Amino acid sequence: MKCTTLDELLDVEYGKPGTPERDAFDKETQAFCLAETLKEERLRAGLTQQELAERIGTKKTYISRLENGKSDVQLSTLFRIFEGLGKHVSLTIR
């Protein structure tokens, strides 16, 4: 039985790594994962979007846009958000 790998499916749907279509897909995927992580950590901390916004000095609409992948986030703001959730952020560059 021959199984198709996820990489093979992505190659067919979005092109090989390094193509513009695949690069766009990878970028969107990373943004989605960050948004989901933010939302999960906020919920785990037992905070509403409003409470998190107040804690870090921003607006609820901004937190909502971030969690829905509708807004880019600056690195300094990302650090502030996770610090507001009692988390430490570290970056890995590969």
PDB file of N, CA and C in Angstrom:
ATOM      1  N   MET A   1       0.832  -1.173   0.000  1.00  0.00           N
ATOM      2  CA  MET A   1       0.000   0.000   0.000  1.00  0.00           C
ATOM      3  C   MET A   1       0.883   1.245   0.000  1.00  0.00           C
ATOM      4  N   LYS A   2       0.676   2.130  -0.956  1.00  0.00           N
ATOM      5  CA  LYS A   2       1.471   3.349  -1.046  1.00  0.00           C
ATOM      6  C   LYS A   2       0.684   4.511  -0.450  1.00  0.00           C
ATOM      7  N   CYS A   3       1.269   5.171   0.520  1.00  0.00           N
ATOM      8  CA  CYS A   3       0.639   6.318   1.157  1.00  0.00           C
ATOM      9  C   CYS A   3       1.289   7.597   0.637  1.00  0.00           C
ATOM     10  N   THR A   4       0.489   8.607   0.473  1.00  0.00           N
ATOM     11  CA  THR A   4       0.987   9.920   0.077  1.00  0.00           C
ATOM     12  C   THR A   4       1.356  10.696   1.332  1.00  0.00           C
ATOM     13  N   THR A   5       2.521  11.313   1.328  1.00  0.00           N
ATOM     14  CA  THR A   5       2.952  12.090   2.496  1.00  0.00           C
ATOM     15  C   THR A   5       2.326  13.476   2.440  1.00  0.00           C
ATOM     16  N   LEU A   6       2.345  14.144   3.580  1.00  0.00           N
ATOM     17  CA  LEU A   6       1.854  15.514   3.637  1.00  0.00           C
ATOM     18  C   LEU A   6       2.663  16.408   2.705  1.00  0.00           C
ATOM     19  N   ASP A   7       3.966  16.235   2.687  1.00  0.00           N
ATOM     20  CA  ASP A   7       4.811  17.046   1.804  1.00  0.00           C
ATOM     21  C   ASP A   7       4.431  16.848   0.341  1.00  0.00           C
ATOM     22  N   GLU A   8       4.130  15.629  -0.042  1.00  0.00           N
ATOM     23  CA  GLU A   8       3.723  15.359  -1.424  1.00  0.00           C
ATOM     24  C   GLU A   8       2.395  16.047  -1.741  1.00  0.00           C
ATOM     25  N   LEU A   9       1.465  16.003  -0.800  1.00  0.00           N
ATOM     26  CA  LEU A   9       0.186  16.689  -1.003  1.00  0.00           C
ATOM     27  C   LEU A   9       0.369  18.196  -1.118  1.00  0.00           C
ATOM     28  N   LEU A  10       1.221  18.754  -0.274  1.00  0.00           N
ATOM     29  CA  LEU A  10       1.489  20.189  -0.342  1.00  0.00           C
ATOM     30  C   LEU A  10       2.166  20.569  -1.658  1.00  0.00           C
ATOM     31  N   ASP A  11       3.076  19.731  -2.129  1.00  0.00           N
ATOM     32  CA  ASP A  11       3.740  19.982  -3.411  1.00  0.00           C
ATOM     33  C   ASP A  11       2.726  20.066  -4.546  1.00  0.00           C
ATOM     34  N   VAL A  12       1.744  19.171  -4.526  1.00  0.00           N
ATOM     35  CA  VAL A  12       0.728  19.155  -5.584  1.00  0.00           C
ATOM     36  C   VAL A  12      -0.176  20.382  -5.476  1.00  0.00           C
ATOM     37  N   GLU A  13      -0.602  20.690  -4.254  1.00  0.00           N
ATOM     38  CA  GLU A  13      -1.569  21.768  -4.050  1.00  0.00           C
ATOM     39  C   GLU A  13      -0.952  23.164  -4.150  1.00  0.00           C
ATOM     40  N   TYR A  14       0.268  23.351  -3.590  1.00  0.00           N
ATOM     41  CA  TYR A  14       0.864  24.682  -3.485  1.00  0.00           C
ATOM     42  C   TYR A  14       2.211  24.827  -4.178  1.00  0.00           C
ATOM     43  N   GLY A  15       2.705  23.783  -4.781  1.00  0.00           N
ATOM     44  CA  GLY A  15       4.003  23.835  -5.446  1.00  0.00           C
ATOM     45  C   GLY A  15       5.120  23.396  -4.521  1.00  0.00           C
ATOM     46  N   LYS A  16       6.263  23.207  -5.103  1.00  0.00           N
ATOM     47  CA  LYS A  16       7.450  22.787  -4.346  1.00  0.00           C
ATOM     48  C   LYS A  16       7.933  23.924  -3.444  1.00  0.00           C
ATOM     49  N   PRO A  17       8.636  23.582  -2.353  1.00  0.00           N
ATOM     50  CA  PRO A  17       9.218  24.622  -1.504  1.00  0.00           C
ATOM     51  C   PRO A  17      10.101  25.553  -2.332  1.00  0.00           C
ATOM     52  N   GLY A  18       9.969  26.851  -2.048  1.00  0.00           N
ATOM     53  CA  GLY A  18      10.748  27.848  -2.778  1.00  0.00           C
ATOM     54  C   GLY A  18       9.969  28.529  -3.890  1.00  0.00           C
ATOM     55  N   THR A  19       8.823  27.954  -4.274  1.00  0.00           N
ATOM     56  CA  THR A  19       7.993  28.614  -5.290  1.00  0.00           C
ATOM     57  C   THR A  19       7.162  29.696  -4.598  1.00  0.00           C
ATOM     58  N   PRO A  20       6.755  30.727  -5.338  1.00  0.00           N
ATOM     59  CA  PRO A  20       5.963  31.802  -4.723  1.00  0.00           C
ATOM     60  C   PRO A  20       4.682  31.302  -4.054  1.00  0.00           C
ATOM     61  N   GLU A  21       4.007  30.350  -4.680  1.00  0.00           N
ATOM     62  CA  GLU A  21       2.763  29.841  -4.112  1.00  0.00           C
ATOM     63  C   GLU A  21       3.016  29.111  -2.789  1.00  0.00           C
ATOM     64  N   ARG A  22       4.055  28.304  -2.753  1.00  0.00           N
ATOM     65  CA  ARG A  22       4.379  27.556  -1.532  1.00  0.00           C
ATOM     66  C   ARG A  22       4.866  28.500  -0.444  1.00  0.00           C
ATOM     67  N   ASP A  23       5.665  29.493  -0.816  1.00  0.00           N
ATOM     68  CA  ASP A  23       6.138  30.458   0.171  1.00  0.00           C
ATOM     69  C   ASP A  23       4.961  31.208   0.801  1.00  0.00           C
ATOM     70  N   ALA A  24       3.979  31.589  -0.018  1.00  0.00           N
ATOM     71  CA  ALA A  24       2.794  32.281   0.495  1.00  0.00           C
ATOM     72  C   ALA A  24       2.017  31.374   1.440  1.00  0.00           C
ATOM     73  N   PHE A  25       1.853  30.113   1.059  1.00  0.00           N
ATOM     74  CA  PHE A  25       1.154  29.150   1.916  1.00  0.00           C
ATOM     75  C   PHE A  25       1.890  28.984   3.244  1.00  0.00           C
ATOM     76  N   ASP A  26       3.201  28.827   3.195  1.00  0.00           N
ATOM     77  CA  ASP A  26       3.982  28.644   4.422  1.00  0.00           C
ATOM     78  C   ASP A  26       3.862  29.861   5.341  1.00  0.00           C
ATOM     79  N   LYS A  27       3.877  31.059   4.751  1.00  0.00           N
ATOM     80  CA  LYS A  27       3.754  32.284   5.542  1.00  0.00           C
ATOM     81  C   LYS A  27       2.381  32.350   6.211  1.00  0.00           C
ATOM     82  N   GLU A  28       1.332  32.036   5.458  1.00  0.00           N
ATOM     83  CA  GLU A  28      -0.019  32.032   6.022  1.00  0.00           C
ATOM     84  C   GLU A  28      -0.162  30.991   7.119  1.00  0.00           C
ATOM     85  N   THR A  29       0.470  29.852   6.934  1.00  0.00           N
ATOM     86  CA  THR A  29       0.408  28.782   7.935  1.00  0.00           C
ATOM     87  C   THR A  29       1.071  29.224   9.234  1.00  0.00           C
ATOM     88  N   GLN A  30       2.206  29.881   9.130  1.00  0.00           N
ATOM     89  CA  GLN A  30       2.901  30.357  10.325  1.00  0.00           C
ATOM     90  C   GLN A  30       2.065  31.402  11.056  1.00  0.00           C
ATOM     91  N   ALA A  31       1.438  32.303  10.300  1.00  0.00           N
ATOM     92  CA  ALA A  31       0.587  33.327  10.915  1.00  0.00           C
ATOM     93  C   ALA A  31      -0.605  32.680  11.616  1.00  0.00           C
ATOM     94  N   PHE A  32      -1.195  31.672  10.988  1.00  0.00           N
ATOM     95  CA  PHE A  32      -2.324  30.960  11.588  1.00  0.00           C
ATOM     96  C   PHE A  32      -1.898  30.281  12.894  1.00  0.00           C
ATOM     97  N   CYS A  33      -0.760  29.629  12.876  1.00  0.00           N
ATOM     98  CA  CYS A  33      -0.267  28.934  14.078  1.00  0.00           C
ATOM     99  C   CYS A  33      -0.001  29.913  15.212  1.00  0.00           C
ATOM    100  N   LEU A  34       0.572  31.073  14.892  1.00  0.00           N
ATOM    101  CA  LEU A  34       0.824  32.087  15.918  1.00  0.00           C
ATOM    102  C   LEU A  34      -0.497  32.594  16.498  1.00  0.00           C
ATOM    103  N   ALA A  35      -1.476  32.849  15.632  1.00  0.00           N
ATOM    104  CA  ALA A  35      -2.780  33.329  16.082  1.00  0.00           C
ATOM    105  C   ALA A  35      -3.450  32.304  16.994  1.00  0.00           C
ATOM    106  N   GLU A  36      -3.389  31.040  16.614  1.00  0.00           N
ATOM    107  CA  GLU A  36      -3.991  29.982  17.430  1.00  0.00           C
ATOM    108  C   GLU A  36      -3.272  29.825  18.764  1.00  0.00           C
ATOM    109  N   THR A  37      -1.955  29.963  18.762  1.00  0.00           N
ATOM    110  CA  THR A  37      -1.183  29.871  20.005  1.00  0.00           C
ATOM    111  C   THR A  37      -1.564  31.009  20.937  1.00  0.00           C
ATOM    112  N   LEU A  38      -1.674  32.207  20.395  1.00  0.00           N
ATOM    113  CA  LEU A  38      -2.074  33.362  21.198  1.00  0.00           C
ATOM    114  C   LEU A  38      -3.445  33.120  21.834  1.00  0.00           C
ATOM    115  N   LYS A  39      -4.389  32.680  21.033  1.00  0.00           N
ATOM    116  CA  LYS A  39      -5.739  32.432  21.534  1.00  0.00           C
ATOM    117  C   LYS A  39      -5.741  31.339  22.607  1.00  0.00           C
ATOM    118  N   GLU A  40      -5.054  30.242  22.360  1.00  0.00           N
ATOM    119  CA  GLU A  40      -4.992  29.141  23.334  1.00  0.00           C
ATOM    120  C   GLU A  40      -4.383  29.599  24.659  1.00  0.00           C
ATOM    121  N   GLU A  41      -3.302  30.368  24.585  1.00  0.00           N
ATOM    122  CA  GLU A  41      -2.641  30.821  25.808  1.00  0.00           C
ATOM    123  C   GLU A  41      -3.509  31.823  26.562  1.00  0.00           C
ATOM    124  N   ARG A  42      -4.222  32.679  25.839  1.00  0.00           N
ATOM    125  CA  ARG A  42      -5.128  33.614  26.496  1.00  0.00           C
ATOM    126  C   ARG A  42      -6.233  32.857  27.232  1.00  0.00           C
ATOM    127  N   LEU A  43      -6.815  31.885  26.556  1.00  0.00           N
ATOM    128  CA  LEU A  43      -7.874  31.083  27.184  1.00  0.00           C
ATOM    129  C   LEU A  43      -7.335  30.283  28.363  1.00  0.00           C
ATOM    130  N   ARG A  44      -6.141  29.741  28.218  1.00  0.00           N
ATOM    131  CA  ARG A  44      -5.510  28.977  29.305  1.00  0.00           C
ATOM    132  C   ARG A  44      -5.285  29.869  30.530  1.00  0.00           C
ATOM    133  N   ALA A  45      -4.982  31.147  30.275  1.00  0.00           N
ATOM    134  CA  ALA A  45      -4.769  32.095  31.370  1.00  0.00           C
ATOM    135  C   ALA A  45      -6.092  32.574  31.969  1.00  0.00           C
ATOM    136  N   GLY A  46      -7.211  32.189  31.342  1.00  0.00           N
ATOM    137  CA  GLY A  46      -8.517  32.576  31.846  1.00  0.00           C
ATOM    138  C   GLY A  46      -8.862  34.034  31.615  1.00  0.00           C
ATOM    139  N   LEU A  47      -8.300  34.604  30.550  1.00  0.00           N
ATOM    140  CA  LEU A  47      -8.535  36.013  30.255  1.00  0.00           C
ATOM    141  C   LEU A  47      -9.434  36.184  29.039  1.00  0.00           C
ATOM    142  N   THR A  48     -10.237  37.232  29.069  1.00  0.00           N
ATOM    143  CA  THR A  48     -10.983  37.617  27.874  1.00  0.00           C
ATOM    144  C   THR A  48     -10.056  38.465  27.005  1.00  0.00           C
ATOM    145  N   GLN A  49     -10.469  38.697  25.786  1.00  0.00           N
ATOM    146  CA  GLN A  49      -9.689  39.583  24.920  1.00  0.00           C
ATOM    147  C   GLN A  49      -9.591  40.972  25.551  1.00  0.00           C
ATOM    148  N   GLN A  50     -10.674  41.440  26.153  1.00  0.00           N
ATOM    149  CA  GLN A  50     -10.692  42.754  26.798  1.00  0.00           C
ATOM    150  C   GLN A  50      -9.698  42.814  27.948  1.00  0.00           C
ATOM    151  N   GLU A  51      -9.687  41.775  28.777  1.00  0.00           N
ATOM    152  CA  GLU A  51      -8.774  41.748  29.923  1.00  0.00           C
ATOM    153  C   GLU A  51      -7.317  41.726  29.477  1.00  0.00           C
ATOM    154  N   LEU A  52      -7.006  40.944  28.448  1.00  0.00           N
ATOM    155  CA  LEU A  52      -5.636  40.921  27.936  1.00  0.00           C
ATOM    156  C   LEU A  52      -5.257  42.275  27.363  1.00  0.00           C
ATOM    157  N   ALA A  53      -6.171  42.869  26.615  1.00  0.00           N
ATOM    158  CA  ALA A  53      -5.900  44.183  26.023  1.00  0.00           C
ATOM    159  C   ALA A  53      -5.597  45.210  27.111  1.00  0.00           C
ATOM    160  N   GLU A  54      -6.390  45.225  28.158  1.00  0.00           N
ATOM    161  CA  GLU A  54      -6.162  46.166  29.252  1.00  0.00           C
ATOM    162  C   GLU A  54      -4.829  45.899  29.938  1.00  0.00           C
ATOM    163  N   ARG A  55      -4.492  44.637  30.085  1.00  0.00           N
ATOM    164  CA  ARG A  55      -3.254  44.251  30.757  1.00  0.00           C
ATOM    165  C   ARG A  55      -2.018  44.749  30.013  1.00  0.00           C
ATOM    166  N   ILE A  56      -2.094  44.795  28.675  1.00  0.00           N
ATOM    167  CA  ILE A  56      -0.911  45.195  27.894  1.00  0.00           C
ATOM    168  C   ILE A  56      -1.039  46.587  27.273  1.00  0.00           C
ATOM    169  N   GLY A  57      -2.148  47.275  27.545  1.00  0.00           N
ATOM    170  CA  GLY A  57      -2.297  48.651  27.078  1.00  0.00           C
ATOM    171  C   GLY A  57      -2.665  48.772  25.613  1.00  0.00           C
ATOM    172  N   THR A  58      -3.568  47.925  25.154  1.00  0.00           N
ATOM    173  CA  THR A  58      -4.042  48.026  23.774  1.00  0.00           C
ATOM    174  C   THR A  58      -5.554  47.856  23.777  1.00  0.00           C
ATOM    175  N   LYS A  59      -6.130  47.709  22.597  1.00  0.00           N
ATOM    176  CA  LYS A  59      -7.584  47.576  22.497  1.00  0.00           C
ATOM    177  C   LYS A  59      -7.989  46.138  22.216  1.00  0.00           C
ATOM    178  N   LYS A  60      -9.203  45.796  22.658  1.00  0.00           N
ATOM    179  CA  LYS A  60      -9.749  44.467  22.428  1.00  0.00           C
ATOM    180  C   LYS A  60      -9.803  44.147  20.937  1.00  0.00           C
ATOM    181  N   THR A  61     -10.136  45.130  20.115  1.00  0.00           N
ATOM    182  CA  THR A  61     -10.236  44.884  18.670  1.00  0.00           C
ATOM    183  C   THR A  61      -8.902  44.444  18.092  1.00  0.00           C
ATOM    184  N   TYR A  62      -7.801  44.954  18.640  1.00  0.00           N
ATOM    185  CA  TYR A  62      -6.477  44.555  18.163  1.00  0.00           C
ATOM    186  C   TYR A  62      -6.200  43.094  18.502  1.00  0.00           C
ATOM    187  N   ILE A  63      -6.521  42.702  19.731  1.00  0.00           N
ATOM    188  CA  ILE A  63      -6.334  41.305  20.132  1.00  0.00           C
ATOM    189  C   ILE A  63      -7.190  40.402  19.248  1.00  0.00           C
ATOM    190  N   SER A  64      -8.412  40.805  18.997  1.00  0.00           N
ATOM    191  CA  SER A  64      -9.309  40.023  18.143  1.00  0.00           C
ATOM    192  C   SER A  64      -8.744  39.870  16.736  1.00  0.00           C
ATOM    193  N   ARG A  65      -8.250  40.960  16.169  1.00  0.00           N
ATOM    194  CA  ARG A  65      -7.666  40.894  14.818  1.00  0.00           C
ATOM    195  C   ARG A  65      -6.458  39.974  14.785  1.00  0.00           C
ATOM    196  N   LEU A  66      -5.633  40.015  15.818  1.00  0.00           N
ATOM    197  CA  LEU A  66      -4.470  39.124  15.879  1.00  0.00           C
ATOM    198  C   LEU A  66      -4.905  37.668  15.940  1.00  0.00           C
ATOM    199  N   GLU A  67      -5.885  37.381  16.806  1.00  0.00           N
ATOM    200  CA  GLU A  67      -6.339  36.002  16.971  1.00  0.00           C
ATOM    201  C   GLU A  67      -7.031  35.458  15.727  1.00  0.00           C
ATOM    202  N   ASN A  68      -7.557  36.352  14.905  1.00  0.00           N
ATOM    203  CA  ASN A  68      -8.223  35.936  13.677  1.00  0.00           C
ATOM    204  C   ASN A  68      -7.319  36.034  12.453  1.00  0.00           C
ATOM    205  N   GLY A  69      -6.035  36.331  12.683  1.00  0.00           N
ATOM    206  CA  GLY A  69      -5.079  36.403  11.588  1.00  0.00           C
ATOM    207  C   GLY A  69      -5.314  37.570  10.654  1.00  0.00           C
ATOM    208  N   LYS A  70      -5.960  38.618  11.134  1.00  0.00           N
ATOM    209  CA  LYS A  70      -6.297  39.765  10.295  1.00  0.00           C
ATOM    210  C   LYS A  70      -5.335  40.928  10.461  1.00  0.00           C
ATOM    211  N   SER A  71      -4.314  40.748  11.286  1.00  0.00           N
ATOM    212  CA  SER A  71      -3.377  41.833  11.540  1.00  0.00           C
ATOM    213  C   SER A  71      -1.989  41.264  11.793  1.00  0.00           C
ATOM    214  N   ASP A  72      -0.998  41.972  11.304  1.00  0.00           N
ATOM    215  CA  ASP A  72       0.384  41.598  11.603  1.00  0.00           C
ATOM    216  C   ASP A  72       0.742  42.148  12.977  1.00  0.00           C
ATOM    217  N   VAL A  73       1.703  41.530  13.600  1.00  0.00           N
ATOM    218  CA  VAL A  73       2.120  41.962  14.928  1.00  0.00           C
ATOM    219  C   VAL A  73       3.610  42.274  14.911  1.00  0.00           C
ATOM    220  N   GLN A  74       3.958  43.375  15.574  1.00  0.00           N
ATOM    221  CA  GLN A  74       5.370  43.701  15.733  1.00  0.00           C
ATOM    222  C   GLN A  74       5.956  42.796  16.805  1.00  0.00           C
ATOM    223  N   LEU A  75       7.222  42.526  16.677  1.00  0.00           N
ATOM    224  CA  LEU A  75       7.891  41.632  17.619  1.00  0.00           C
ATOM    225  C   LEU A  75       7.793  42.159  19.046  1.00  0.00           C
ATOM    226  N   SER A  76       7.982  43.453  19.233  1.00  0.00           N
ATOM    227  CA  SER A  76       7.901  44.020  20.586  1.00  0.00           C
ATOM    228  C   SER A  76       6.509  43.840  21.173  1.00  0.00           C
ATOM    229  N   THR A  77       5.480  43.964  20.337  1.00  0.00           N
ATOM    230  CA  THR A  77       4.107  43.768  20.799  1.00  0.00           C
ATOM    231  C   THR A  77       3.863  42.304  21.128  1.00  0.00           C
ATOM    232  N   LEU A  78       4.391  41.407  20.320  1.00  0.00           N
ATOM    233  CA  LEU A  78       4.252  39.982  20.575  1.00  0.00           C
ATOM    234  C   LEU A  78       4.854  39.621  21.930  1.00  0.00           C
ATOM    235  N   PHE A  79       6.024  40.144  22.217  1.00  0.00           N
ATOM    236  CA  PHE A  79       6.653  39.895  23.517  1.00  0.00           C
ATOM    237  C   PHE A  79       5.760  40.425  24.643  1.00  0.00           C
ATOM    238  N   ARG A  80       5.230  41.640  24.475  1.00  0.00           N
ATOM    239  CA  ARG A  80       4.370  42.247  25.482  1.00  0.00           C
ATOM    240  C   ARG A  80       3.117  41.417  25.730  1.00  0.00           C
ATOM    241  N   ILE A  81       2.518  40.908  24.654  1.00  0.00           N
ATOM    242  CA  ILE A  81       1.306  40.094  24.776  1.00  0.00           C
ATOM    243  C   ILE A  81       1.579  38.844  25.597  1.00  0.00           C
ATOM    244  N   PHE A  82       2.621  38.112  25.225  1.00  0.00           N
ATOM    245  CA  PHE A  82       2.898  36.873  25.951  1.00  0.00           C
ATOM    246  C   PHE A  82       3.378  37.125  27.369  1.00  0.00           C
ATOM    247  N   GLU A  83       4.083  38.226  27.594  1.00  0.00           N
ATOM    248  CA  GLU A  83       4.446  38.584  28.964  1.00  0.00           C
ATOM    249  C   GLU A  83       3.189  38.873  29.772  1.00  0.00           C
ATOM    250  N   GLY A  84       2.190  39.510  29.127  1.00  0.00           N
ATOM    251  CA  GLY A  84       0.905  39.767  29.777  1.00  0.00           C
ATOM    252  C   GLY A  84       0.172  38.491  30.122  1.00  0.00           C
ATOM    253  N   LEU A  85       0.500  37.419  29.414  1.00  0.00           N
ATOM    254  CA  LEU A  85      -0.087  36.110  29.691  1.00  0.00           C
ATOM    255  C   LEU A  85       0.775  35.299  30.659  1.00  0.00           C
ATOM    256  N   GLY A  86       1.848  35.923  31.131  1.00  0.00           N
ATOM    257  CA  GLY A  86       2.735  35.232  32.065  1.00  0.00           C
ATOM    258  C   GLY A  86       3.655  34.230  31.388  1.00  0.00           C
ATOM    259  N   LYS A  87       3.912  34.442  30.110  1.00  0.00           N
ATOM    260  CA  LYS A  87       4.758  33.525  29.330  1.00  0.00           C
ATOM    261  C   LYS A  87       6.045  34.231  28.923  1.00  0.00           C
ATOM    262  N   HIS A  88       7.029  33.425  28.626  1.00  0.00           N
ATOM    263  CA  HIS A  88       8.312  33.915  28.105  1.00  0.00           C
ATOM    264  C   HIS A  88       8.413  33.487  26.646  1.00  0.00           C
ATOM    265  N   VAL A  89       8.809  34.408  25.796  1.00  0.00           N
ATOM    266  CA  VAL A  89       8.934  34.115  24.373  1.00  0.00           C
ATOM    267  C   VAL A  89      10.412  34.023  24.017  1.00  0.00           C
ATOM    268  N   SER A  90      10.756  33.009  23.257  1.00  0.00           N
ATOM    269  CA  SER A  90      12.100  32.912  22.717  1.00  0.00           C
ATOM    270  C   SER A  90      11.977  32.608  21.216  1.00  0.00           C
ATOM    271  N   LEU A  91      12.946  33.044  20.479  1.00  0.00           N
ATOM    272  CA  LEU A  91      12.936  32.843  19.037  1.00  0.00           C
ATOM    273  C   LEU A  91      14.010  31.835  18.631  1.00  0.00           C
ATOM    274  N   THR A  92      13.688  31.047  17.654  1.00  0.00           N
ATOM    275  CA  THR A  92      14.646  30.136  17.067  1.00  0.00           C
ATOM    276  C   THR A  92      14.763  30.482  15.594  1.00  0.00           C
ATOM    277  N   ILE A  93      15.952  30.720  15.145  1.00  0.00           N
ATOM    278  CA  ILE A  93      16.180  31.021  13.731  1.00  0.00           C
ATOM    279  C   ILE A  93      16.890  29.836  13.112  1.00  0.00           C
ATOM    280  N   ARG A  94      16.293  29.308  12.040  1.00  0.00           N
ATOM    281  CA  ARG A  94      16.876  28.143  11.389  1.00  0.00           C
ATOM    282  C   ARG A  94      17.333  28.502  10.013  1.00  0.00           C
TER     283      ARG A  94
END
